[in-house]
């Protein structure tokens, strides 16, 4: 029975680590999306102050979706992203 308790503890620890990685990855996506949103806004000849909070959130959410689509199914790219290395140019 002790072995099962150890396995349970190990699994909980692994899940906690996975949760931390997911959180870091989500934060990285948000940072990248915000940076891309700033570029998008500038390309349109606007300032951030010209947009409402809702408009900014829509642009950031669009950029988040685009980033996730680019990285979907690319395990190595995701690992590099966590290390701060991007593998694409836009």
Protein backbone atom coordinates (compact mmCIF):
# COMPACT_ATOMS: atom_id res chain seq x y z
CA UNK A 1 0.00 0.00 0.00
CA UNK A 2 2.89 2.32 0.68
CA UNK A 3 4.00 2.05 -2.95
CA UNK A 4 0.60 3.28 -4.11
CA UNK A 5 0.81 6.25 -1.78
CA UNK A 6 4.24 7.08 -3.18
CA UNK A 7 2.93 6.78 -6.75
CA UNK A 8 0.04 9.09 -5.84
CA UNK A 9 2.43 11.64 -4.34
CA UNK A 10 4.67 11.46 -7.41
CA UNK A 11 1.70 11.97 -9.73
CA UNK A 12 0.51 14.99 -7.75
CA UNK A 13 4.00 16.45 -7.92
CA UNK A 14 4.16 15.89 -11.68
CA UNK A 15 0.75 17.51 -12.17
CA UNK A 16 1.87 20.53 -10.14
CA UNK A 17 4.96 20.87 -12.35
CA UNK A 18 2.85 20.58 -15.52
CA UNK A 19 0.51 23.24 -14.18
CA UNK A 20 3.49 25.56 -13.60
CA UNK A 21 4.75 25.01 -17.14
CA UNK A 22 1.30 25.70 -18.57
CA UNK A 23 1.07 28.90 -16.55
CA UNK A 24 4.51 30.07 -17.74
CA UNK A 25 3.60 29.24 -21.31
CA UNK A 26 0.31 31.15 -21.08
CA UNK A 27 2.14 34.16 -19.63
CA UNK A 28 4.66 34.01 -22.47
CA UNK A 29 1.83 33.91 -25.02
CA UNK A 30 0.20 36.94 -23.40
CA UNK A 31 3.47 38.89 -23.48
CA UNK A 32 4.06 38.01 -27.12
CA UNK A 33 0.45 38.82 -28.06
CA UNK A 34 0.68 42.23 -26.40
CA UNK A 35 3.91 42.97 -28.28
CA UNK A 36 2.31 41.90 -31.57
CA UNK A 37 -0.84 43.93 -30.78
CA UNK A 38 1.31 47.05 -30.32
CA UNK A 39 2.83 46.46 -33.75
CA UNK A 40 -0.59 45.90 -35.30
CA UNK A 41 -1.91 49.12 -33.80
CA UNK A 42 1.14 51.06 -35.01
CA UNK A 43 0.82 49.60 -38.53
CA UNK A 44 -2.70 51.00 -38.64
CA UNK A 45 -1.31 54.43 -37.85
CA UNK A 46 -2.99 54.56 -34.44
CA UNK A 47 -1.84 55.12 -30.88
CA UNK A 48 -2.96 52.89 -28.04
CA UNK A 49 -4.80 55.89 -26.60
CA UNK A 50 -6.96 56.02 -29.75
CA UNK A 51 -8.56 52.68 -28.86
CA UNK A 52 -10.94 51.67 -26.11
CA UNK A 53 -9.95 48.99 -23.61
CA UNK A 54 -12.36 46.59 -25.33
CA UNK A 55 -10.77 47.22 -28.74
CA UNK A 56 -7.31 46.59 -27.31
CA UNK A 57 -8.49 43.34 -25.70
CA UNK A 58 -9.95 42.18 -29.00
CA UNK A 59 -6.67 42.83 -30.80
CA UNK A 60 -4.66 41.03 -28.09
CA UNK A 61 -7.06 38.06 -28.15
CA UNK A 62 -6.72 37.85 -31.94
CA UNK A 63 -2.94 37.86 -31.62
CA UNK A 64 -3.14 35.17 -28.91
CA UNK A 65 -5.25 32.98 -31.17
CA UNK A 66 -2.81 33.49 -34.07
CA UNK A 67 0.16 32.59 -31.89
CA UNK A 68 -1.51 29.46 -30.54
CA UNK A 69 -2.39 28.36 -34.07
CA UNK A 70 1.24 28.82 -35.14
CA UNK A 71 2.56 26.74 -32.25
CA UNK A 72 -0.15 24.08 -32.18
CA UNK A 73 1.37 20.63 -32.53
CA UNK A 74 4.95 21.88 -32.40
CA UNK A 75 6.41 20.49 -29.20
CA UNK A 76 9.95 21.64 -29.92
CA UNK A 77 8.78 25.14 -30.77
CA UNK A 78 6.86 25.26 -27.50
CA UNK A 79 9.94 24.21 -25.55
CA UNK A 80 12.02 26.87 -27.30
CA UNK A 81 9.34 29.45 -26.55
CA UNK A 82 9.61 28.66 -22.85
CA UNK A 83 13.34 29.26 -23.13
CA UNK A 84 12.66 32.62 -24.77
CA UNK A 85 13.65 31.55 -28.26
CA UNK A 86 11.19 32.14 -31.09
CA UNK A 87 11.39 30.18 -34.32
CA UNK A 88 9.37 32.35 -36.70
CA UNK A 89 9.55 35.82 -38.15
CA UNK A 90 6.59 38.14 -38.75
